Amino acid sequence: MYHHLRGTLIRKMPGEAVVEAGGVGYLLLISLPGYQALPNLGQPVTLYTHLQVTDDALTLFGFVTEAERHFFRQLIHNVKGVGPRMALTVLSGGRMEHLQQAIRLGDVDTLKRIKGVGENTAKRIVLELGKMLVKESEGASPARARGTPAASAEPLAHLDELTELAVRAVAQLQEVPNDVALKAVQRAWDDLRAERKKPEQVQDLIRRALPYTE
């Protein structure tokens, strides 16, 4: 319903801001990084918005960039049990780029350190959003920007979810084609089988695979 709000910043505090536009003061809930990026009081400001409609309230959320709002919407639309306020809690856990990288790498521990995010929620975020973020980042990866042939990106549809996520993450981190990353992940699996171990998280598999691409 609302795309953005442009006006004068008349109040700000961690978690919320008030923007006056057309004689009306709009209260917006914001993330901690969003609060830190706001200008001084009395200055013009533009916030991208998301409106939550419930039976008893209309709640407006504000974001300093469209990218932050996009990530917020990915959380609430794709992760079961994560509503707007929980998504804002996640966004307040650190720089958005670092949070997204943790999700891509299956780093549940980093998400668990965010106050208010429990282990089950962190695992759901990684499971339900990790692949989506990896696929989004692929289009902008340096390897592809340099013109890596499409044929080198071996189809990954036949892989199990854990292996596929690990392959995509290794390919992105090491800037190598998918087929190279796949071989590295397979060698990591071989090591684990030899030790009669299983990776508890995808990041365990990724860490073992990274040296095999060097």
N, C-alpha and C. Protein backbone atom coordinates (compact mmCIF):
# COMPACT_ATOMS: atom_id res chain seq x y z
N MET A 1 0.83 -1.20 0.00
CA MET A 1 0.00 0.00 0.00
C MET A 1 0.86 1.26 0.00
N TYR A 2 1.86 1.31 0.88
CA TYR A 2 2.78 2.44 0.92
C TYR A 2 4.15 1.97 0.42
N HIS A 3 4.76 2.76 -0.47
CA HIS A 3 6.08 2.40 -0.97
C HIS A 3 7.17 3.07 -0.14
N HIS A 4 7.01 4.36 0.12
CA HIS A 4 7.99 5.07 0.92
C HIS A 4 7.34 6.29 1.56
N LEU A 5 8.04 6.86 2.51
CA LEU A 5 7.55 8.05 3.20
C LEU A 5 8.68 9.06 3.22
N ARG A 6 8.39 10.27 2.73
CA ARG A 6 9.41 11.33 2.70
C ARG A 6 8.90 12.50 3.52
N GLY A 7 9.72 12.96 4.45
CA GLY A 7 9.30 14.08 5.29
C GLY A 7 10.43 14.54 6.19
N THR A 8 10.08 15.09 7.35
CA THR A 8 11.06 15.61 8.30
C THR A 8 11.13 14.68 9.51
N LEU A 9 12.34 14.32 9.88
CA LEU A 9 12.52 13.46 11.04
C LEU A 9 12.35 14.29 12.31
N ILE A 10 11.33 13.98 13.09
CA ILE A 10 11.07 14.77 14.29
C ILE A 10 11.32 14.00 15.58
N ARG A 11 11.48 12.68 15.48
CA ARG A 11 11.84 11.90 16.67
C ARG A 11 12.52 10.61 16.22
N LYS A 12 13.52 10.20 16.99
CA LYS A 12 14.15 8.91 16.70
C LYS A 12 14.69 8.32 17.99
N MET A 13 14.62 7.03 18.07
CA MET A 13 15.18 6.27 19.18
C MET A 13 15.37 4.85 18.69
N PRO A 14 16.21 4.05 19.35
CA PRO A 14 16.39 2.67 18.90
C PRO A 14 15.05 1.95 18.82
N GLY A 15 14.71 1.54 17.62
CA GLY A 15 13.47 0.79 17.45
C GLY A 15 12.34 1.56 16.81
N GLU A 16 12.39 2.89 16.82
CA GLU A 16 11.29 3.63 16.20
C GLU A 16 11.71 5.03 15.79
N ALA A 17 10.93 5.59 14.87
CA ALA A 17 11.17 6.95 14.40
C ALA A 17 9.82 7.57 14.06
N VAL A 18 9.76 8.89 14.13
CA VAL A 18 8.56 9.62 13.72
C VAL A 18 8.94 10.58 12.61
N VAL A 19 8.24 10.46 11.49
CA VAL A 19 8.47 11.32 10.33
C VAL A 19 7.21 12.14 10.09
N GLU A 20 7.38 13.46 10.01
CA GLU A 20 6.23 14.33 9.73
C GLU A 20 6.18 14.63 8.24
N ALA A 21 5.03 14.34 7.65
CA ALA A 21 4.83 14.59 6.22
C ALA A 21 3.41 15.10 6.01
N GLY A 22 3.28 16.25 5.38
CA GLY A 22 1.96 16.81 5.12
C GLY A 22 1.19 17.11 6.39
N GLY A 23 1.90 17.49 7.45
CA GLY A 23 1.24 17.84 8.70
C GLY A 23 0.87 16.65 9.56
N VAL A 24 1.22 15.44 9.13
CA VAL A 24 0.90 14.22 9.88
C VAL A 24 2.20 13.57 10.35
N GLY A 25 2.25 13.16 11.61
CA GLY A 25 3.41 12.46 12.14
C GLY A 25 3.21 10.96 12.05
N TYR A 26 4.09 10.30 11.32
CA TYR A 26 3.98 8.85 11.13
C TYR A 26 4.99 8.13 12.02
N LEU A 27 4.49 7.21 12.84
CA LEU A 27 5.36 6.40 13.69
C LEU A 27 5.75 5.14 12.93
N LEU A 28 7.06 4.91 12.81
CA LEU A 28 7.56 3.75 12.10
C LEU A 28 8.47 2.94 13.02
N LEU A 29 8.32 1.64 13.00
CA LEU A 29 9.24 0.75 13.70
C LEU A 29 10.43 0.49 12.79
N ILE A 30 11.64 0.58 13.34
CA ILE A 30 12.85 0.48 12.54
C ILE A 30 13.84 -0.46 13.22
N SER A 31 14.82 -0.93 12.45
CA SER A 31 15.88 -1.78 13.00
C SER A 31 16.93 -0.91 13.66
N LEU A 32 17.81 -1.53 14.43
CA LEU A 32 18.89 -0.79 15.07
C LEU A 32 19.84 -0.18 14.04
N PRO A 33 20.27 -0.94 13.00
CA PRO A 33 21.09 -0.30 11.96
C PRO A 33 20.35 0.84 11.25
N GLY A 34 19.03 0.68 11.11
CA GLY A 34 18.25 1.75 10.51
C GLY A 34 18.28 3.01 11.37
N TYR A 35 18.15 2.83 12.67
CA TYR A 35 18.23 3.97 13.59
C TYR A 35 19.59 4.65 13.48
N GLN A 36 20.64 3.87 13.42
CA GLN A 36 21.99 4.43 13.36
C GLN A 36 22.25 5.19 12.06
N ALA A 37 21.49 4.86 11.01
CA ALA A 37 21.69 5.51 9.71
C ALA A 37 20.82 6.76 9.53
N LEU A 38 19.94 7.04 10.48
CA LEU A 38 19.05 8.19 10.34
C LEU A 38 19.81 9.51 10.45
N PRO A 39 19.33 10.55 9.79
CA PRO A 39 19.97 11.87 9.91
C PRO A 39 19.61 12.51 11.26
N ASN A 40 20.09 13.71 11.50
CA ASN A 40 19.76 14.44 12.71
C ASN A 40 18.31 14.88 12.70
N LEU A 41 17.76 15.12 13.88
CA LEU A 41 16.39 15.59 13.98
C LEU A 41 16.23 16.91 13.23
N GLY A 42 15.08 17.05 12.59
CA GLY A 42 14.80 18.25 11.82
C GLY A 42 15.27 18.18 10.38
N GLN A 43 15.97 17.10 10.03
CA GLN A 43 16.47 16.93 8.67
C GLN A 43 15.47 16.13 7.83
N PRO A 44 15.49 16.35 6.51
CA PRO A 44 14.62 15.54 5.64
C PRO A 44 15.08 14.08 5.62
N VAL A 45 14.14 13.17 5.46
CA VAL A 45 14.46 11.75 5.46
C VAL A 45 13.47 11.01 4.58
N THR A 46 13.93 9.96 3.96
CA THR A 46 13.06 9.06 3.19
C THR A 46 13.21 7.66 3.75
N LEU A 47 12.10 7.05 4.11
CA LEU A 47 12.11 5.68 4.60
C LEU A 47 11.20 4.83 3.72
N TYR A 48 11.70 3.68 3.31
CA TYR A 48 10.88 2.71 2.58
C TYR A 48 10.03 1.97 3.59
N THR A 49 8.81 1.66 3.23
CA THR A 49 7.85 1.23 4.23
C THR A 49 7.24 -0.14 3.93
N HIS A 50 6.79 -0.75 5.02
CA HIS A 50 5.99 -1.98 4.94
C HIS A 50 4.87 -1.84 5.96
N LEU A 51 3.65 -2.05 5.52
CA LEU A 51 2.48 -1.89 6.39
C LEU A 51 1.97 -3.26 6.81
N GLN A 52 1.89 -3.46 8.12
CA GLN A 52 1.30 -4.69 8.66
C GLN A 52 -0.12 -4.38 9.12
N VAL A 53 -1.07 -5.13 8.60
CA VAL A 53 -2.48 -4.93 8.93
C VAL A 53 -2.96 -6.12 9.76
N THR A 54 -3.44 -5.85 10.97
CA THR A 54 -4.03 -6.88 11.81
C THR A 54 -5.44 -6.44 12.19
N ASP A 55 -6.13 -7.27 12.93
CA ASP A 55 -7.51 -6.97 13.29
C ASP A 55 -7.63 -5.72 14.14
N ASP A 56 -6.60 -5.44 14.94
CA ASP A 56 -6.72 -4.32 15.87
C ASP A 56 -5.67 -3.22 15.70
N ALA A 57 -4.85 -3.31 14.64
CA ALA A 57 -3.81 -2.29 14.49
C ALA A 57 -3.28 -2.23 13.07
N LEU A 58 -2.77 -1.05 12.73
CA LEU A 58 -1.98 -0.84 11.51
C LEU A 58 -0.59 -0.45 11.97
N THR A 59 0.40 -1.25 11.62
CA THR A 59 1.77 -1.00 12.06
C THR A 59 2.65 -0.74 10.86
N LEU A 60 3.35 0.39 10.90
CA LEU A 60 4.20 0.79 9.78
C LEU A 60 5.66 0.54 10.15
N PHE A 61 6.35 -0.19 9.27
CA PHE A 61 7.77 -0.46 9.46
C PHE A 61 8.56 0.38 8.46
N GLY A 62 9.70 0.90 8.90
CA GLY A 62 10.50 1.77 8.03
C GLY A 62 11.90 1.22 7.81
N PHE A 63 12.44 1.48 6.62
CA PHE A 63 13.76 0.95 6.24
C PHE A 63 14.54 2.02 5.49
N VAL A 64 15.82 2.10 5.78
CA VAL A 64 16.62 3.16 5.17
C VAL A 64 16.97 2.85 3.72
N THR A 65 16.92 1.58 3.33
CA THR A 65 17.18 1.20 1.94
C THR A 65 16.14 0.19 1.47
N GLU A 66 15.97 0.11 0.16
CA GLU A 66 15.06 -0.90 -0.38
C GLU A 66 15.61 -2.31 -0.16
N ALA A 67 16.94 -2.43 -0.12
CA ALA A 67 17.54 -3.74 0.12
C ALA A 67 17.19 -4.26 1.51
N GLU A 68 17.18 -3.37 2.49
CA GLU A 68 16.81 -3.78 3.85
C GLU A 68 15.36 -4.23 3.89
N ARG A 69 14.50 -3.49 3.21
CA ARG A 69 13.08 -3.89 3.17
C ARG A 69 12.91 -5.22 2.45
N HIS A 70 13.66 -5.43 1.39
CA HIS A 70 13.57 -6.68 0.64
C HIS A 70 13.96 -7.87 1.52
N PHE A 71 15.03 -7.72 2.28
CA PHE A 71 15.47 -8.78 3.18
C PHE A 71 14.41 -9.03 4.27
N PHE A 72 13.86 -7.97 4.80
CA PHE A 72 12.78 -8.07 5.80
C PHE A 72 11.61 -8.87 5.24
N ARG A 73 11.22 -8.58 4.02
CA ARG A 73 10.09 -9.28 3.41
C ARG A 73 10.43 -10.73 3.08
N GLN A 74 11.67 -10.99 2.73
CA GLN A 74 12.08 -12.38 2.51
C GLN A 74 11.90 -13.19 3.80
N LEU A 75 12.25 -12.59 4.91
CA LEU A 75 12.12 -13.28 6.19
C LEU A 75 10.66 -13.57 6.52
N ILE A 76 9.79 -12.58 6.39
CA ILE A 76 8.41 -12.79 6.83
C ILE A 76 7.60 -13.62 5.83
N HIS A 77 8.00 -13.61 4.57
CA HIS A 77 7.23 -14.35 3.56
C HIS A 77 7.71 -15.78 3.36
N ASN A 78 8.94 -16.08 3.78
CA ASN A 78 9.51 -17.39 3.46
C ASN A 78 9.88 -18.24 4.67
N VAL A 79 9.95 -17.65 5.84
CA VAL A 79 10.35 -18.41 7.03
C VAL A 79 9.16 -18.58 7.96
N LYS A 80 8.75 -19.81 8.14
CA LYS A 80 7.61 -20.11 8.99
C LYS A 80 7.87 -19.65 10.42
N GLY A 81 6.90 -18.95 10.97
CA GLY A 81 7.01 -18.51 12.36
C GLY A 81 7.72 -17.19 12.54
N VAL A 82 8.22 -16.60 11.46
CA VAL A 82 8.89 -15.30 11.56
C VAL A 82 7.94 -14.21 11.05
N GLY A 83 7.44 -13.42 11.99
CA GLY A 83 6.59 -12.30 11.64
C GLY A 83 7.38 -11.02 11.54
N PRO A 84 6.69 -9.89 11.30
CA PRO A 84 7.40 -8.62 11.12
C PRO A 84 8.28 -8.22 12.30
N ARG A 85 7.80 -8.40 13.51
CA ARG A 85 8.61 -7.97 14.66
C ARG A 85 9.84 -8.87 14.84
N MET A 86 9.69 -10.18 14.60
CA MET A 86 10.85 -11.06 14.68
C MET A 86 11.84 -10.73 13.57
N ALA A 87 11.32 -10.43 12.36
CA ALA A 87 12.20 -10.06 11.26
C ALA A 87 12.99 -8.80 11.60
N LEU A 88 12.34 -7.86 12.27
CA LEU A 88 13.03 -6.64 12.68
C LEU A 88 14.10 -6.95 13.72
N THR A 89 13.82 -7.92 14.59
CA THR A 89 14.82 -8.36 15.57
C THR A 89 16.04 -8.93 14.86
N VAL A 90 15.81 -9.74 13.83
CA VAL A 90 16.92 -10.30 13.06
C VAL A 90 17.74 -9.18 12.41
N LEU A 91 17.06 -8.24 11.79
CA LEU A 91 17.75 -7.13 11.14
C LEU A 91 18.56 -6.30 12.13
N SER A 92 18.13 -6.28 13.38
CA SER A 92 18.83 -5.51 14.41
C SER A 92 20.05 -6.24 14.95
N GLY A 93 20.29 -7.45 14.46
CA GLY A 93 21.37 -8.27 14.98
C GLY A 93 22.74 -7.96 14.40
N GLY A 94 22.83 -7.03 13.47
CA GLY A 94 24.13 -6.70 12.88
C GLY A 94 23.97 -6.16 11.48
N ARG A 95 25.08 -5.98 10.78
CA ARG A 95 25.02 -5.49 9.41
C ARG A 95 24.29 -6.51 8.54
N MET A 96 23.43 -6.01 7.68
CA MET A 96 22.61 -6.90 6.86
C MET A 96 23.47 -7.85 6.03
N GLU A 97 24.58 -7.35 5.48
CA GLU A 97 25.44 -8.20 4.65
C GLU A 97 26.01 -9.36 5.46
N HIS A 98 26.36 -9.11 6.72
CA HIS A 98 26.90 -10.16 7.57
C HIS A 98 25.83 -11.19 7.92
N LEU A 99 24.62 -10.72 8.18
CA LEU A 99 23.53 -11.63 8.48
C LEU A 99 23.21 -12.52 7.28
N GLN A 100 23.16 -11.93 6.11
CA GLN A 100 22.87 -12.71 4.91
C GLN A 100 23.97 -13.73 4.63
N GLN A 101 25.22 -13.34 4.87
CA GLN A 101 26.32 -14.28 4.67
C GLN A 101 26.21 -15.44 5.66
N ALA A 102 25.84 -15.15 6.90
CA ALA A 102 25.67 -16.22 7.88
C ALA A 102 24.58 -17.19 7.45
N ILE A 103 23.50 -16.66 6.90
CA ILE A 103 22.40 -17.51 6.45
C ILE A 103 22.85 -18.36 5.27
N ARG A 104 23.57 -17.76 4.32
CA ARG A 104 24.04 -18.52 3.16
C ARG A 104 24.96 -19.65 3.58
N LEU A 105 25.77 -19.41 4.62
CA LEU A 105 26.74 -20.41 5.06
C LEU A 105 26.16 -21.38 6.08
N GLY A 106 24.90 -21.22 6.42
CA GLY A 106 24.30 -22.10 7.39
C GLY A 106 24.83 -21.88 8.80
N ASP A 107 25.26 -20.66 9.09
CA ASP A 107 25.87 -20.35 10.38
C ASP A 107 24.79 -20.08 11.42
N VAL A 108 24.23 -21.14 11.97
CA VAL A 108 23.16 -21.03 12.95
C VAL A 108 23.65 -20.32 14.21
N ASP A 109 24.88 -20.56 14.61
CA ASP A 109 25.40 -19.99 15.85
C ASP A 109 25.38 -18.46 15.82
N THR A 110 25.73 -17.88 14.68
CA THR A 110 25.70 -16.41 14.57
C THR A 110 24.29 -15.88 14.77
N LEU A 111 23.31 -16.53 14.17
CA LEU A 111 21.92 -16.08 14.31
C LEU A 111 21.42 -16.27 15.74
N LYS A 112 21.85 -17.35 16.38
CA LYS A 112 21.43 -17.62 17.76
C LYS A 112 21.93 -16.55 18.72
N ARG A 113 23.01 -15.88 18.37
CA ARG A 113 23.56 -14.85 19.25
C ARG A 113 22.74 -13.56 19.23
N ILE A 114 21.81 -13.46 18.30
CA ILE A 114 20.93 -12.29 18.26
C ILE A 114 19.91 -12.42 19.38
N LYS A 115 19.82 -11.43 20.23
CA LYS A 115 18.90 -11.47 21.36
C LYS A 115 17.46 -11.59 20.86
N GLY A 116 16.78 -12.64 21.31
CA GLY A 116 15.39 -12.86 20.90
C GLY A 116 15.23 -13.90 19.82
N VAL A 117 16.34 -14.38 19.25
CA VAL A 117 16.29 -15.42 18.22
C VAL A 117 16.77 -16.73 18.83
N GLY A 118 15.87 -17.70 18.94
CA GLY A 118 16.22 -18.99 19.51
C GLY A 118 16.81 -19.93 18.48
N GLU A 119 17.23 -21.09 18.95
CA GLU A 119 17.89 -22.05 18.06
C GLU A 119 16.96 -22.54 16.96
N ASN A 120 15.71 -22.84 17.31
CA ASN A 120 14.77 -23.35 16.30
C ASN A 120 14.50 -22.31 15.22
N THR A 121 14.34 -21.06 15.63
CA THR A 121 14.11 -19.99 14.66
C THR A 121 15.33 -19.81 13.76
N ALA A 122 16.52 -19.84 14.36
CA ALA A 122 17.75 -19.70 13.58
C ALA A 122 17.87 -20.81 12.55
N LYS A 123 17.55 -22.04 12.94
CA LYS A 123 17.62 -23.17 12.01
C LYS A 123 16.61 -23.02 10.88
N ARG A 124 15.42 -22.56 11.19
CA ARG A 124 14.41 -22.38 10.14
C ARG A 124 14.85 -21.31 9.15
N ILE A 125 15.44 -20.24 9.66
CA ILE A 125 15.91 -19.17 8.76
C ILE A 125 16.94 -19.71 7.79
N VAL A 126 17.90 -20.47 8.31
CA VAL A 126 18.94 -21.04 7.46
C VAL A 126 18.35 -22.01 6.44
N LEU A 127 17.46 -22.87 6.91
CA LEU A 127 16.90 -23.90 6.05
C LEU A 127 16.00 -23.31 4.96
N GLU A 128 15.16 -22.36 5.34
CA GLU A 128 14.13 -21.87 4.42
C GLU A 128 14.56 -20.66 3.61
N LEU A 129 15.64 -20.00 4.01
CA LEU A 129 16.07 -18.80 3.29
C LEU A 129 17.46 -18.94 2.69
N GLY A 130 18.25 -19.91 3.18
CA GLY A 130 19.63 -20.03 2.73
C GLY A 130 19.78 -20.20 1.23
N LYS A 131 19.05 -21.15 0.66
CA LYS A 131 19.16 -21.42 -0.78
C LYS A 131 18.74 -20.21 -1.60
N MET A 132 17.72 -19.51 -1.14
CA MET A 132 17.24 -18.34 -1.87
C MET A 132 18.31 -17.25 -1.92
N LEU A 133 18.99 -17.02 -0.79
CA LEU A 133 20.03 -16.00 -0.76
C LEU A 133 21.24 -16.39 -1.59
N VAL A 134 21.57 -17.69 -1.58
CA VAL A 134 22.69 -18.16 -2.40
C VAL A 134 22.38 -17.94 -3.88
N LYS A 135 21.17 -18.27 -4.30
CA LYS A 135 20.79 -18.10 -5.70
C LYS A 135 20.78 -16.63 -6.09
N GLU A 136 20.33 -15.77 -5.18
CA GLU A 136 20.33 -14.33 -5.47
C GLU A 136 21.74 -13.81 -5.68
N SER A 137 22.67 -14.30 -4.87
CA SER A 137 24.04 -13.79 -4.94
C SER A 137 24.79 -14.32 -6.15
N GLU A 138 24.32 -15.42 -6.72
CA GLU A 138 25.04 -16.02 -7.84
C GLU A 138 25.14 -15.09 -9.04
N GLY A 139 24.07 -14.35 -9.31
CA GLY A 139 24.06 -13.49 -10.48
C GLY A 139 25.10 -12.39 -10.41
N ALA A 140 25.50 -12.01 -9.18
CA ALA A 140 26.48 -10.94 -9.02
C ALA A 140 27.85 -11.46 -8.61
N SER A 141 28.06 -12.77 -8.67
CA SER A 141 29.33 -13.32 -8.23
C SER A 141 30.45 -12.91 -9.18
N PRO A 142 31.67 -12.63 -8.65
CA PRO A 142 32.79 -12.20 -9.50
C PRO A 142 33.11 -13.19 -10.60
N ALA A 143 32.97 -14.49 -10.31
CA ALA A 143 33.31 -15.49 -11.31
C ALA A 143 32.43 -15.35 -12.54
N ARG A 144 31.15 -15.08 -12.29
CA ARG A 144 30.25 -14.92 -13.44
C ARG A 144 30.48 -13.59 -14.11
N ALA A 145 30.80 -12.57 -13.30
CA ALA A 145 31.03 -11.26 -13.90
C ALA A 145 32.22 -11.29 -14.84
N ARG A 146 33.18 -12.18 -14.58
CA ARG A 146 34.34 -12.27 -15.46
C ARG A 146 34.06 -13.11 -16.69
N GLY A 147 32.84 -13.67 -16.78
CA GLY A 147 32.49 -14.41 -17.97
C GLY A 147 32.73 -15.89 -17.87
N THR A 148 32.62 -16.48 -16.68
CA THR A 148 32.77 -17.92 -16.55
C THR A 148 31.75 -18.61 -17.43
N PRO A 149 32.13 -19.55 -18.27
CA PRO A 149 31.19 -20.20 -19.17
C PRO A 149 30.05 -20.86 -18.41
N ALA A 150 28.85 -20.73 -18.94
CA ALA A 150 27.68 -21.32 -18.29
C ALA A 150 27.82 -22.81 -18.17
N ALA A 151 28.53 -23.45 -19.10
CA ALA A 151 28.66 -24.90 -19.07
C ALA A 151 29.41 -25.38 -17.86
N SER A 152 30.24 -24.49 -17.25
CA SER A 152 31.02 -24.91 -16.09
C SER A 152 30.18 -24.99 -14.83
N ALA A 153 28.99 -24.38 -14.86
CA ALA A 153 28.10 -24.43 -13.70
C ALA A 153 27.27 -25.70 -13.77
N GLU A 154 27.84 -26.77 -13.24
CA GLU A 154 27.19 -28.07 -13.33
C GLU A 154 25.82 -28.05 -12.67
N PRO A 155 24.79 -28.62 -13.29
CA PRO A 155 23.47 -28.63 -12.68
C PRO A 155 23.52 -29.27 -11.30
N LEU A 156 22.81 -28.66 -10.35
CA LEU A 156 22.86 -29.13 -8.98
C LEU A 156 21.55 -29.74 -8.51
N ALA A 157 20.59 -29.88 -9.40
CA ALA A 157 19.26 -30.31 -9.01
C ALA A 157 19.25 -31.71 -8.41
N HIS A 158 20.24 -32.55 -8.76
CA HIS A 158 20.23 -33.93 -8.29
C HIS A 158 20.81 -34.07 -6.89
N LEU A 159 21.38 -33.01 -6.34
CA LEU A 159 22.05 -33.10 -5.06
C LEU A 159 21.07 -32.97 -3.91
N ASP A 160 21.45 -33.53 -2.75
CA ASP A 160 20.64 -33.30 -1.56
C ASP A 160 20.79 -31.85 -1.13
N GLU A 161 19.88 -31.37 -0.31
CA GLU A 161 19.83 -29.94 0.02
C GLU A 161 21.09 -29.45 0.71
N LEU A 162 21.62 -30.23 1.64
CA LEU A 162 22.83 -29.83 2.36
C LEU A 162 24.01 -29.68 1.41
N THR A 163 24.18 -30.65 0.53
CA THR A 163 25.30 -30.61 -0.41
C THR A 163 25.15 -29.46 -1.40
N GLU A 164 23.93 -29.27 -1.88
CA GLU A 164 23.70 -28.18 -2.84
C GLU A 164 24.03 -26.83 -2.23
N LEU A 165 23.58 -26.61 -1.00
CA LEU A 165 23.84 -25.33 -0.34
C LEU A 165 25.33 -25.14 -0.13
N ALA A 166 26.04 -26.22 0.24
CA ALA A 166 27.48 -26.14 0.44
C ALA A 166 28.21 -25.82 -0.86
N VAL A 167 27.80 -26.47 -1.95
CA VAL A 167 28.43 -26.23 -3.25
C VAL A 167 28.27 -24.78 -3.67
N ARG A 168 27.07 -24.25 -3.54
CA ARG A 168 26.83 -22.86 -3.96
C ARG A 168 27.64 -21.89 -3.09
N ALA A 169 27.72 -22.17 -1.80
CA ALA A 169 28.47 -21.28 -0.92
C ALA A 169 29.97 -21.33 -1.23
N VAL A 170 30.51 -22.53 -1.45
CA VAL A 170 31.93 -22.67 -1.77
C VAL A 170 32.24 -21.98 -3.10
N ALA A 171 31.37 -22.15 -4.07
CA ALA A 171 31.58 -21.51 -5.38
C ALA A 171 31.63 -20.00 -5.24
N GLN A 172 30.76 -19.46 -4.40
CA GLN A 172 30.73 -18.01 -4.22
C GLN A 172 31.94 -17.52 -3.44
N LEU A 173 32.26 -18.20 -2.35
CA LEU A 173 33.37 -17.75 -1.50
C LEU A 173 34.72 -17.83 -2.20
N GLN A 174 34.93 -18.90 -2.96
CA GLN A 174 36.22 -19.11 -3.62
C GLN A 174 36.25 -18.61 -5.06
N GLU A 175 35.12 -18.13 -5.54
CA GLU A 175 35.02 -17.60 -6.90
C GLU A 175 35.42 -18.66 -7.93
N VAL A 176 34.85 -19.84 -7.77
CA VAL A 176 35.14 -20.95 -8.68
C VAL A 176 33.83 -21.46 -9.27
N PRO A 177 33.89 -22.17 -10.42
CA PRO A 177 32.68 -22.73 -11.01
C PRO A 177 32.06 -23.80 -10.10
N ASN A 178 30.81 -24.09 -10.34
CA ASN A 178 30.10 -25.06 -9.51
C ASN A 178 30.73 -26.46 -9.58
N ASP A 179 31.27 -26.84 -10.75
CA ASP A 179 31.83 -28.18 -10.84
C ASP A 179 33.06 -28.32 -9.96
N VAL A 180 33.87 -27.26 -9.85
CA VAL A 180 35.04 -27.27 -8.97
C VAL A 180 34.58 -27.34 -7.51
N ALA A 181 33.58 -26.53 -7.18
CA ALA A 181 33.06 -26.52 -5.82
C ALA A 181 32.45 -27.88 -5.46
N LEU A 182 31.78 -28.50 -6.43
CA LEU A 182 31.17 -29.81 -6.18
C LEU A 182 32.23 -30.85 -5.84
N LYS A 183 33.32 -30.86 -6.58
CA LYS A 183 34.40 -31.82 -6.30
C LYS A 183 34.98 -31.59 -4.90
N ALA A 184 35.11 -30.32 -4.52
CA ALA A 184 35.64 -30.01 -3.19
C ALA A 184 34.70 -30.50 -2.10
N VAL A 185 33.40 -30.29 -2.29
CA VAL A 185 32.41 -30.74 -1.30
C VAL A 185 32.38 -32.27 -1.24
N GLN A 186 32.50 -32.91 -2.39
CA GLN A 186 32.53 -34.39 -2.39
C GLN A 186 33.74 -34.92 -1.63
N ARG A 187 34.89 -34.26 -1.77
CA ARG A 187 36.08 -34.68 -1.02
C ARG A 187 35.87 -34.45 0.48
N ALA A 188 35.18 -33.37 0.83
CA ALA A 188 34.87 -33.11 2.23
C ALA A 188 33.98 -34.22 2.79
N TRP A 189 33.00 -34.65 1.98
CA TRP A 189 32.13 -35.77 2.39
C TRP A 189 32.96 -37.04 2.58
N ASP A 190 33.91 -37.27 1.69
CA ASP A 190 34.76 -38.46 1.81
C ASP A 190 35.53 -38.45 3.13
N ASP A 191 36.03 -37.27 3.49
CA ASP A 191 36.76 -37.14 4.75
C ASP A 191 35.85 -37.45 5.94
N LEU A 192 34.66 -36.91 5.89
CA LEU A 192 33.72 -37.13 6.99
C LEU A 192 33.34 -38.60 7.12
N ARG A 193 33.11 -39.24 5.97
CA ARG A 193 32.76 -40.67 6.02
C ARG A 193 33.92 -41.50 6.58
N ALA A 194 35.13 -41.13 6.20
CA ALA A 194 36.29 -41.86 6.71
C ALA A 194 36.41 -41.72 8.22
N GLU A 195 35.98 -40.57 8.73
CA GLU A 195 36.02 -40.33 10.17
C GLU A 195 34.73 -40.77 10.87
N ARG A 196 33.80 -41.29 10.05
CA ARG A 196 32.50 -41.73 10.57
C ARG A 196 31.78 -40.58 11.29
N LYS A 197 31.79 -39.44 10.63
CA LYS A 197 31.14 -38.25 11.17
C LYS A 197 30.10 -37.73 10.18
N LYS A 198 29.18 -36.93 10.71
CA LYS A 198 28.22 -36.23 9.88
C LYS A 198 28.26 -34.75 10.24
N PRO A 199 28.16 -33.87 9.25
CA PRO A 199 28.16 -32.43 9.57
C PRO A 199 26.89 -32.04 10.31
N GLU A 200 27.05 -31.34 11.43
CA GLU A 200 25.87 -30.90 12.17
C GLU A 200 25.19 -29.74 11.46
N GLN A 201 25.99 -28.91 10.78
CA GLN A 201 25.48 -27.76 10.04
C GLN A 201 26.19 -27.69 8.70
N VAL A 202 25.61 -26.98 7.76
CA VAL A 202 26.21 -26.88 6.44
C VAL A 202 27.57 -26.19 6.51
N GLN A 203 27.75 -25.30 7.49
CA GLN A 203 29.04 -24.60 7.58
C GLN A 203 30.18 -25.57 7.87
N ASP A 204 29.89 -26.68 8.58
CA ASP A 204 30.93 -27.68 8.84
C ASP A 204 31.42 -28.29 7.52
N LEU A 205 30.48 -28.55 6.62
CA LEU A 205 30.83 -29.11 5.33
C LEU A 205 31.58 -28.09 4.48
N ILE A 206 31.16 -26.85 4.54
CA ILE A 206 31.80 -25.78 3.78
C ILE A 206 33.25 -25.59 4.21
N ARG A 207 33.48 -25.57 5.51
CA ARG A 207 34.84 -25.35 6.02
C ARG A 207 35.78 -26.46 5.57
N ARG A 208 35.29 -27.67 5.56
CA ARG A 208 36.13 -28.79 5.13
C ARG A 208 36.40 -28.73 3.63
N ALA A 209 35.45 -28.19 2.87
CA ALA A 209 35.58 -28.19 1.42
C ALA A 209 36.48 -27.05 0.91
N LEU A 210 36.53 -25.95 1.61
CA LEU A 210 37.25 -24.76 1.11
C LEU A 210 38.72 -25.06 0.74
N PRO A 211 39.48 -25.78 1.57
CA PRO A 211 40.90 -26.03 1.20
C PRO A 211 41.06 -26.82 -0.09
N TYR A 212 40.05 -27.59 -0.48
CA TYR A 212 40.17 -28.42 -1.69
C TYR A 212 39.98 -27.64 -2.98
N THR A 213 39.69 -26.35 -2.86
CA THR A 213 39.57 -25.51 -4.07
C THR A 213 40.84 -24.72 -4.31
N GLU A 214 41.79 -24.80 -3.39
CA GLU A 214 43.01 -23.97 -3.51
C GLU A 214 44.07 -24.66 -4.36
